């Protein structure tokens, strides 16, 4: 009988030891989970900061000649604005190539595309675009050259 009591006490002791180990393992797993969540949030914050820095750098790079009146657009921005030079955005065809109407920075613009085989050449095209940047009917006209 006493032997059974010792066996029972030993079994209860082993059970308590296993419960303590299990609690320690659960606590360690929870702590690891919290560290992983903190690390994941830190990485998200770093990625966000990197994207913001890249956007700021891109915006600064788009200003030409340190003059805020002009902004240089990437071909990706122009393609998106013209819906990849969609026929629905095309408003004409000049001696140099097609002309598209779109909006860049909420401003209506005409995008003139210089064909590589244009007879008058690039310098004449650039002169024409500069001339169109004058006031027409007391409203500014913005032109975008696509190379």
N, C-alpha and C. Protein backbone atom coordinates (compact mmCIF):
# COMPACT_ATOMS: atom_id res chain seq x y z
N UNK A 1 0.81 -1.17 0.00
CA UNK A 1 0.00 0.00 0.00
C UNK A 1 0.87 1.26 0.00
N UNK A 2 1.85 1.22 0.86
CA UNK A 2 2.75 2.34 0.91
C UNK A 2 3.50 2.49 -0.40
N UNK A 3 3.78 1.41 -1.01
CA UNK A 3 4.47 1.42 -2.32
C UNK A 3 3.59 2.10 -3.36
N UNK A 4 2.30 1.85 -3.34
CA UNK A 4 1.36 2.47 -4.27
C UNK A 4 1.29 3.96 -4.01
N UNK A 5 1.34 4.33 -2.72
CA UNK A 5 1.31 5.75 -2.39
C UNK A 5 2.56 6.45 -2.90
N UNK A 6 3.71 5.82 -2.78
CA UNK A 6 4.95 6.40 -3.31
C UNK A 6 4.89 6.51 -4.83
N UNK A 7 4.35 5.49 -5.46
CA UNK A 7 4.21 5.51 -6.92
C UNK A 7 3.28 6.64 -7.34
N UNK A 8 2.21 6.83 -6.60
CA UNK A 8 1.26 7.89 -6.93
C UNK A 8 1.91 9.26 -6.74
N UNK A 9 2.65 9.43 -5.64
CA UNK A 9 3.33 10.69 -5.38
C UNK A 9 4.38 10.96 -6.46
N UNK A 10 5.09 9.92 -6.86
CA UNK A 10 6.10 10.07 -7.91
C UNK A 10 5.44 10.47 -9.23
N UNK A 11 4.31 9.84 -9.53
CA UNK A 11 3.59 10.15 -10.76
C UNK A 11 3.09 11.60 -10.72
N UNK A 12 2.56 12.04 -9.59
CA UNK A 12 2.09 13.42 -9.45
C UNK A 12 3.25 14.41 -9.57
N UNK A 13 4.37 14.05 -9.01
CA UNK A 13 5.56 14.90 -9.12
C UNK A 13 6.01 15.04 -10.57
N UNK A 14 6.01 13.93 -11.28
CA UNK A 14 6.39 13.95 -12.70
C UNK A 14 5.40 14.79 -13.50
N UNK A 15 4.11 14.66 -13.17
CA UNK A 15 3.07 15.44 -13.86
C UNK A 15 3.30 16.93 -13.62
N UNK A 16 3.58 17.31 -12.39
CA UNK A 16 3.82 18.72 -12.07
C UNK A 16 5.06 19.24 -12.81
N UNK A 17 6.11 18.41 -12.88
CA UNK A 17 7.32 18.81 -13.61
C UNK A 17 7.01 19.01 -15.10
N UNK A 18 6.22 18.13 -15.67
CA UNK A 18 5.85 18.24 -17.09
C UNK A 18 4.98 19.46 -17.33
N UNK A 19 4.05 19.74 -16.40
CA UNK A 19 3.23 20.94 -16.52
C UNK A 19 4.10 22.19 -16.50
N UNK A 20 5.09 22.22 -15.60
CA UNK A 20 5.99 23.37 -15.50
C UNK A 20 6.79 23.53 -16.80
N UNK A 21 7.29 22.42 -17.34
CA UNK A 21 8.02 22.47 -18.62
C UNK A 21 7.12 22.96 -19.75
N UNK A 22 5.88 22.49 -19.75
CA UNK A 22 4.92 22.89 -20.78
C UNK A 22 4.64 24.39 -20.68
N UNK A 23 4.44 24.90 -19.45
CA UNK A 23 4.21 26.34 -19.25
C UNK A 23 5.42 27.15 -19.74
N UNK A 24 6.62 26.67 -19.42
CA UNK A 24 7.83 27.37 -19.87
C UNK A 24 7.92 27.38 -21.39
N UNK A 25 7.57 26.26 -22.02
CA UNK A 25 7.62 26.19 -23.49
C UNK A 25 6.60 27.13 -24.11
N UNK A 26 5.40 27.19 -23.52
CA UNK A 26 4.36 28.09 -24.04
C UNK A 26 4.81 29.54 -23.88
N UNK A 27 5.37 29.90 -22.73
CA UNK A 27 5.85 31.26 -22.51
C UNK A 27 6.97 31.61 -23.49
N UNK A 28 7.88 30.67 -23.73
CA UNK A 28 8.97 30.91 -24.67
C UNK A 28 8.42 31.09 -26.09
N UNK A 29 7.42 30.30 -26.46
CA UNK A 29 6.82 30.42 -27.79
C UNK A 29 6.10 31.76 -27.93
N UNK A 30 5.39 32.18 -26.88
CA UNK A 30 4.71 33.47 -26.93
C UNK A 30 5.71 34.62 -27.03
N UNK A 31 6.80 34.53 -26.30
CA UNK A 31 7.83 35.56 -26.37
C UNK A 31 8.44 35.61 -27.77
N UNK A 32 8.69 34.43 -28.34
CA UNK A 32 9.24 34.38 -29.71
C UNK A 32 8.25 34.98 -30.70
N UNK A 33 6.96 34.71 -30.51
CA UNK A 33 5.92 35.27 -31.37
C UNK A 33 5.90 36.79 -31.28
N UNK A 34 6.00 37.31 -30.05
CA UNK A 34 6.03 38.77 -29.87
C UNK A 34 7.26 39.38 -30.55
N UNK A 35 8.42 38.74 -30.41
CA UNK A 35 9.64 39.24 -31.07
C UNK A 35 9.48 39.21 -32.58
N UNK A 36 8.87 38.16 -33.11
CA UNK A 36 8.66 38.06 -34.56
C UNK A 36 7.71 39.15 -35.05
N UNK A 37 6.66 39.43 -34.28
CA UNK A 37 5.71 40.49 -34.65
C UNK A 37 6.39 41.86 -34.64
N UNK A 38 7.21 42.10 -33.63
CA UNK A 38 7.94 43.37 -33.55
C UNK A 38 8.89 43.50 -34.73
N UNK A 39 9.59 42.44 -35.07
CA UNK A 39 10.52 42.45 -36.20
C UNK A 39 9.77 42.66 -37.52
N UNK A 40 8.63 42.02 -37.68
CA UNK A 40 7.83 42.19 -38.89
C UNK A 40 7.36 43.64 -39.03
N UNK A 41 6.91 44.23 -37.94
CA UNK A 41 6.47 45.64 -37.97
C UNK A 41 7.64 46.56 -38.28
N UNK A 42 8.80 46.26 -37.70
CA UNK A 42 10.00 47.05 -37.97
C UNK A 42 10.35 47.01 -39.46
N UNK A 43 10.27 45.83 -40.04
CA UNK A 43 10.56 45.69 -41.48
C UNK A 43 9.55 46.45 -42.33
N UNK A 44 8.27 46.38 -41.96
CA UNK A 44 7.24 47.13 -42.69
C UNK A 44 7.54 48.62 -42.62
N UNK A 45 7.92 49.10 -41.43
CA UNK A 45 8.24 50.51 -41.27
C UNK A 45 9.46 50.91 -42.10
N UNK A 46 10.45 50.05 -42.15
CA UNK A 46 11.65 50.33 -42.95
C UNK A 46 11.29 50.37 -44.42
N UNK A 47 10.50 49.40 -44.89
CA UNK A 47 10.08 49.40 -46.30
C UNK A 47 9.30 50.66 -46.64
N UNK A 48 8.42 51.07 -45.76
CA UNK A 48 7.63 52.28 -45.98
C UNK A 48 8.55 53.50 -46.06
N UNK A 49 9.50 53.59 -45.16
CA UNK A 49 10.44 54.71 -45.15
C UNK A 49 11.28 54.72 -46.42
N UNK A 50 11.70 53.53 -46.88
CA UNK A 50 12.49 53.45 -48.11
C UNK A 50 11.67 53.88 -49.32
N UNK A 51 10.40 53.48 -49.38
CA UNK A 51 9.53 53.89 -50.48
C UNK A 51 9.32 55.40 -50.47
N UNK A 52 9.09 55.95 -49.27
CA UNK A 52 8.90 57.40 -49.16
C UNK A 52 10.16 58.14 -49.59
N UNK A 53 11.32 57.63 -49.19
CA UNK A 53 12.59 58.27 -49.56
C UNK A 53 12.80 58.19 -51.07
N UNK A 54 12.46 57.05 -51.66
CA UNK A 54 12.60 56.91 -53.12
C UNK A 54 11.65 57.85 -53.84
N UNK A 55 10.42 57.99 -53.34
CA UNK A 55 9.46 58.90 -53.96
C UNK A 55 9.93 60.34 -53.84
N UNK A 56 10.46 60.70 -52.68
CA UNK A 56 10.99 62.05 -52.49
C UNK A 56 12.16 62.31 -53.44
N UNK A 57 13.03 61.33 -53.55
CA UNK A 57 14.18 61.47 -54.45
C UNK A 57 13.70 61.60 -55.90
N UNK A 58 12.70 60.80 -56.27
CA UNK A 58 12.15 60.85 -57.62
C UNK A 58 11.53 62.22 -57.88
N UNK A 59 10.78 62.72 -56.90
CA UNK A 59 10.14 64.03 -57.05
C UNK A 59 11.18 65.13 -57.19
N UNK A 60 12.23 65.05 -56.40
CA UNK A 60 13.29 66.05 -56.50
C UNK A 60 14.00 65.94 -57.84
N UNK A 61 14.18 64.73 -58.31
CA UNK A 61 14.85 64.52 -59.59
C UNK A 61 14.02 65.01 -60.76
N UNK A 62 12.71 65.06 -60.58
CA UNK A 62 11.83 65.51 -61.65
C UNK A 62 11.85 67.02 -61.84
N UNK A 63 12.37 67.74 -60.88
CA UNK A 63 12.46 69.19 -61.03
C UNK A 63 13.72 69.49 -61.84
N UNK A 64 13.55 70.12 -62.97
CA UNK A 64 14.72 70.41 -63.79
C UNK A 64 15.16 71.84 -63.58
N UNK A 65 16.45 72.04 -63.57
CA UNK A 65 17.06 73.35 -63.43
C UNK A 65 16.64 74.07 -62.15
N UNK A 66 16.31 73.34 -61.13
CA UNK A 66 15.86 73.91 -59.86
C UNK A 66 14.74 74.93 -60.04
N UNK A 67 13.94 74.75 -61.03
CA UNK A 67 12.84 75.66 -61.33
C UNK A 67 11.55 74.89 -61.13
N UNK A 68 10.73 75.31 -60.16
CA UNK A 68 9.53 74.56 -59.84
C UNK A 68 8.45 74.70 -60.90
N UNK A 69 8.66 75.55 -61.91
CA UNK A 69 7.66 75.68 -62.96
C UNK A 69 7.69 74.49 -63.90
N UNK A 70 8.77 73.73 -63.88
CA UNK A 70 8.93 72.61 -64.79
C UNK A 70 9.10 71.32 -64.02
N UNK A 71 8.57 70.28 -64.56
CA UNK A 71 8.71 68.95 -63.95
C UNK A 71 9.00 67.96 -65.04
N UNK A 72 9.92 67.09 -64.80
CA UNK A 72 10.26 66.06 -65.77
C UNK A 72 9.48 64.81 -65.41
N UNK A 73 8.77 64.25 -66.38
CA UNK A 73 7.95 63.07 -66.17
C UNK A 73 8.67 61.85 -66.74
N UNK A 74 8.51 60.74 -66.06
CA UNK A 74 9.09 59.50 -66.56
C UNK A 74 8.20 58.96 -67.67
N UNK A 75 8.76 58.11 -68.50
CA UNK A 75 7.99 57.51 -69.59
C UNK A 75 6.85 56.68 -69.01
N UNK A 76 7.06 56.08 -67.84
CA UNK A 76 6.00 55.29 -67.22
C UNK A 76 4.81 56.18 -66.85
N UNK A 77 5.08 57.39 -66.32
CA UNK A 77 4.01 58.31 -65.96
C UNK A 77 3.25 58.76 -67.21
N UNK A 78 3.98 59.03 -68.29
CA UNK A 78 3.35 59.48 -69.53
C UNK A 78 2.55 58.34 -70.15
N UNK A 79 3.10 57.15 -70.13
CA UNK A 79 2.37 56.00 -70.67
C UNK A 79 1.06 55.78 -69.90
N UNK A 80 1.14 55.88 -68.59
CA UNK A 80 -0.07 55.70 -67.78
C UNK A 80 -1.09 56.79 -68.08
N UNK A 81 -0.63 58.04 -68.18
CA UNK A 81 -1.54 59.17 -68.44
C UNK A 81 -2.21 59.06 -69.80
N UNK A 82 -1.48 58.56 -70.80
CA UNK A 82 -2.04 58.44 -72.15
C UNK A 82 -2.66 57.07 -72.39
N UNK A 83 -2.77 56.30 -71.32
CA UNK A 83 -3.28 54.93 -71.41
C UNK A 83 -2.49 54.15 -72.46
N UNK A 84 -1.17 54.27 -72.32
CA UNK A 84 -0.21 53.59 -73.20
C UNK A 84 -0.43 54.01 -74.66
N UNK A 85 -0.56 55.34 -74.83
CA UNK A 85 -0.72 55.96 -76.14
C UNK A 85 -1.92 55.37 -76.89
N UNK A 86 -3.01 55.30 -76.16
CA UNK A 86 -4.26 54.75 -76.68
C UNK A 86 -4.84 55.65 -77.77
N UNK A 87 -5.47 55.04 -78.75
CA UNK A 87 -6.13 55.79 -79.82
C UNK A 87 -7.21 56.70 -79.26
N UNK A 88 -7.83 56.29 -78.16
CA UNK A 88 -8.88 57.12 -77.57
C UNK A 88 -8.32 58.43 -77.00
N UNK A 89 -7.04 58.48 -76.70
CA UNK A 89 -6.41 59.69 -76.18
C UNK A 89 -5.77 60.52 -77.29
N UNK A 90 -5.72 59.98 -78.49
CA UNK A 90 -5.07 60.67 -79.61
C UNK A 90 -5.97 61.80 -80.10
N UNK A 91 -5.38 63.02 -80.23
CA UNK A 91 -6.18 64.17 -80.68
C UNK A 91 -5.71 64.70 -82.03
N UNK A 92 -4.67 64.10 -82.56
CA UNK A 92 -4.22 64.56 -83.87
C UNK A 92 -2.92 63.90 -84.29
N UNK A 93 -2.53 64.28 -85.49
CA UNK A 93 -1.30 63.75 -86.07
C UNK A 93 -0.60 64.93 -86.73
N UNK A 94 0.59 65.23 -86.30
CA UNK A 94 1.34 66.34 -86.88
C UNK A 94 2.45 65.83 -87.78
N UNK A 95 3.23 66.77 -88.25
CA UNK A 95 4.35 66.41 -89.11
C UNK A 95 5.41 65.62 -88.37
N UNK A 96 5.38 65.70 -87.07
CA UNK A 96 6.40 65.02 -86.27
C UNK A 96 5.90 63.69 -85.71
N UNK A 97 4.60 63.53 -85.65
CA UNK A 97 4.05 62.31 -85.07
C UNK A 97 2.72 62.59 -84.40
N UNK A 98 2.19 61.60 -83.68
CA UNK A 98 0.88 61.75 -83.04
C UNK A 98 0.91 62.68 -81.84
N UNK A 99 -0.27 63.23 -81.52
CA UNK A 99 -0.43 64.11 -80.36
C UNK A 99 -1.55 63.51 -79.51
N UNK A 100 -1.29 63.42 -78.20
CA UNK A 100 -2.24 62.83 -77.27
C UNK A 100 -2.64 63.84 -76.21
N UNK A 101 -3.89 63.80 -75.79
CA UNK A 101 -4.36 64.64 -74.70
C UNK A 101 -4.47 63.77 -73.45
N UNK A 102 -3.94 64.31 -72.35
CA UNK A 102 -4.03 63.58 -71.09
C UNK A 102 -3.85 64.57 -69.95
N UNK A 103 -3.81 64.05 -68.73
CA UNK A 103 -3.62 64.88 -67.55
C UNK A 103 -2.38 64.41 -66.81
N UNK A 104 -1.52 65.36 -66.48
CA UNK A 104 -0.36 65.09 -65.65
C UNK A 104 -0.44 66.06 -64.48
N UNK A 105 -0.39 65.52 -63.28
CA UNK A 105 -0.55 66.34 -62.07
C UNK A 105 -1.83 67.17 -62.14
N UNK A 106 -2.90 66.58 -62.59
CA UNK A 106 -4.22 67.22 -62.68
C UNK A 106 -4.24 68.40 -63.65
N UNK A 107 -3.29 68.45 -64.56
CA UNK A 107 -3.21 69.53 -65.54
C UNK A 107 -3.38 68.94 -66.93
N UNK A 108 -4.29 69.49 -67.74
CA UNK A 108 -4.43 68.96 -69.11
C UNK A 108 -3.19 69.31 -69.94
N UNK A 109 -2.66 68.31 -70.61
CA UNK A 109 -1.47 68.51 -71.45
C UNK A 109 -1.64 67.81 -72.78
N UNK A 110 -0.88 68.29 -73.75
CA UNK A 110 -0.79 67.62 -75.04
C UNK A 110 0.58 66.96 -75.09
N UNK A 111 0.61 65.68 -75.34
CA UNK A 111 1.85 64.94 -75.44
C UNK A 111 2.15 64.72 -76.92
N UNK A 112 3.24 65.31 -77.37
CA UNK A 112 3.63 65.17 -78.78
C UNK A 112 4.73 64.12 -78.84
N UNK A 113 4.56 63.16 -79.69
CA UNK A 113 5.53 62.09 -79.83
C UNK A 113 6.31 62.31 -81.12
N UNK A 114 7.60 62.42 -81.01
CA UNK A 114 8.46 62.63 -82.18
C UNK A 114 8.76 61.28 -82.81
N UNK A 115 8.35 61.14 -84.06
CA UNK A 115 8.67 59.91 -84.80
C UNK A 115 10.16 59.95 -85.15
N UNK A 116 10.82 58.82 -85.13
CA UNK A 116 12.25 58.79 -85.47
C UNK A 116 12.51 59.23 -86.90
N UNK A 117 11.55 59.05 -87.79
CA UNK A 117 11.76 59.38 -89.20
C UNK A 117 11.20 60.76 -89.57
N UNK A 118 10.96 61.61 -88.57
CA UNK A 118 10.38 62.94 -88.83
C UNK A 118 11.33 63.74 -89.72
N UNK A 119 10.76 64.34 -90.77
CA UNK A 119 11.57 65.03 -91.78
C UNK A 119 12.25 66.28 -91.21
N UNK A 120 11.55 67.09 -90.43
CA UNK A 120 12.11 68.35 -89.97
C UNK A 120 13.17 68.18 -88.89
N UNK A 121 13.16 67.10 -88.22
CA UNK A 121 14.19 66.84 -87.22
C UNK A 121 13.84 67.28 -85.82
N UNK A 122 14.68 66.86 -84.94
CA UNK A 122 14.46 67.04 -83.51
C UNK A 122 14.51 68.52 -83.10
N UNK A 123 15.45 69.29 -83.60
CA UNK A 123 15.59 70.68 -83.17
C UNK A 123 14.35 71.49 -83.53
N UNK A 124 13.80 71.28 -84.72
CA UNK A 124 12.59 71.98 -85.12
C UNK A 124 11.42 71.57 -84.22
N UNK A 125 11.36 70.31 -83.89
CA UNK A 125 10.32 69.80 -82.99
C UNK A 125 10.42 70.50 -81.63
N UNK A 126 11.62 70.61 -81.10
CA UNK A 126 11.82 71.26 -79.81
C UNK A 126 11.44 72.74 -79.88
N UNK A 127 11.77 73.42 -80.96
CA UNK A 127 11.39 74.82 -81.13
C UNK A 127 9.87 74.97 -81.13
N UNK A 128 9.20 74.08 -81.83
CA UNK A 128 7.73 74.14 -81.89
C UNK A 128 7.12 73.95 -80.51
N UNK A 129 7.64 73.01 -79.76
CA UNK A 129 7.11 72.76 -78.43
C UNK A 129 7.34 73.98 -77.55
N UNK A 130 8.51 74.60 -77.60
CA UNK A 130 8.78 75.81 -76.81
C UNK A 130 7.81 76.93 -77.19
N UNK A 131 7.53 77.07 -78.47
CA UNK A 131 6.60 78.11 -78.91
C UNK A 131 5.20 77.87 -78.37
N UNK A 132 4.81 76.62 -78.22
CA UNK A 132 3.47 76.30 -77.73
C UNK A 132 3.35 76.53 -76.23
N UNK A 133 4.45 76.73 -75.55
CA UNK A 133 4.41 76.94 -74.10
C UNK A 133 4.07 78.39 -73.75
N UNK A 134 3.63 79.15 -74.72
CA UNK A 134 3.22 80.54 -74.49
C UNK A 134 1.76 80.56 -74.08
N UNK A 135 1.33 81.74 -73.68
CA UNK A 135 -0.07 81.88 -73.29
C UNK A 135 -0.99 81.87 -74.50
N UNK A 136 -2.07 81.12 -74.39
CA UNK A 136 -3.09 81.08 -75.42
C UNK A 136 -4.41 81.39 -74.74
N UNK A 137 -5.08 82.43 -75.18
CA UNK A 137 -6.35 82.85 -74.56
C UNK A 137 -6.20 83.04 -73.06
N UNK A 138 -5.12 83.67 -72.65
CA UNK A 138 -4.83 83.96 -71.24
C UNK A 138 -4.74 82.71 -70.37
N UNK A 139 -4.48 81.58 -70.95
CA UNK A 139 -4.32 80.34 -70.18
C UNK A 139 -3.02 79.68 -70.63
N UNK A 140 -2.26 79.16 -69.71
CA UNK A 140 -1.00 78.54 -70.10
C UNK A 140 -1.26 77.22 -70.86
N UNK A 141 -0.41 76.97 -71.82
CA UNK A 141 -0.46 75.72 -72.58
C UNK A 141 0.79 74.95 -72.21
N UNK A 142 0.61 73.73 -71.78
CA UNK A 142 1.73 72.91 -71.39
C UNK A 142 1.96 71.84 -72.45
N UNK A 143 3.20 71.65 -72.81
CA UNK A 143 3.52 70.60 -73.77
C UNK A 143 4.51 69.65 -73.14
N UNK A 144 4.44 68.42 -73.54
CA UNK A 144 5.34 67.40 -73.04
C UNK A 144 5.99 66.75 -74.24
N UNK A 145 7.31 66.71 -74.21
CA UNK A 145 8.03 66.05 -75.30
C UNK A 145 8.31 64.62 -74.87
N UNK A 146 8.12 63.71 -75.78
CA UNK A 146 8.43 62.31 -75.52
C UNK A 146 9.54 61.92 -76.48
N UNK A 147 10.63 61.44 -75.93
CA UNK A 147 11.76 61.05 -76.77
C UNK A 147 11.74 59.57 -77.03
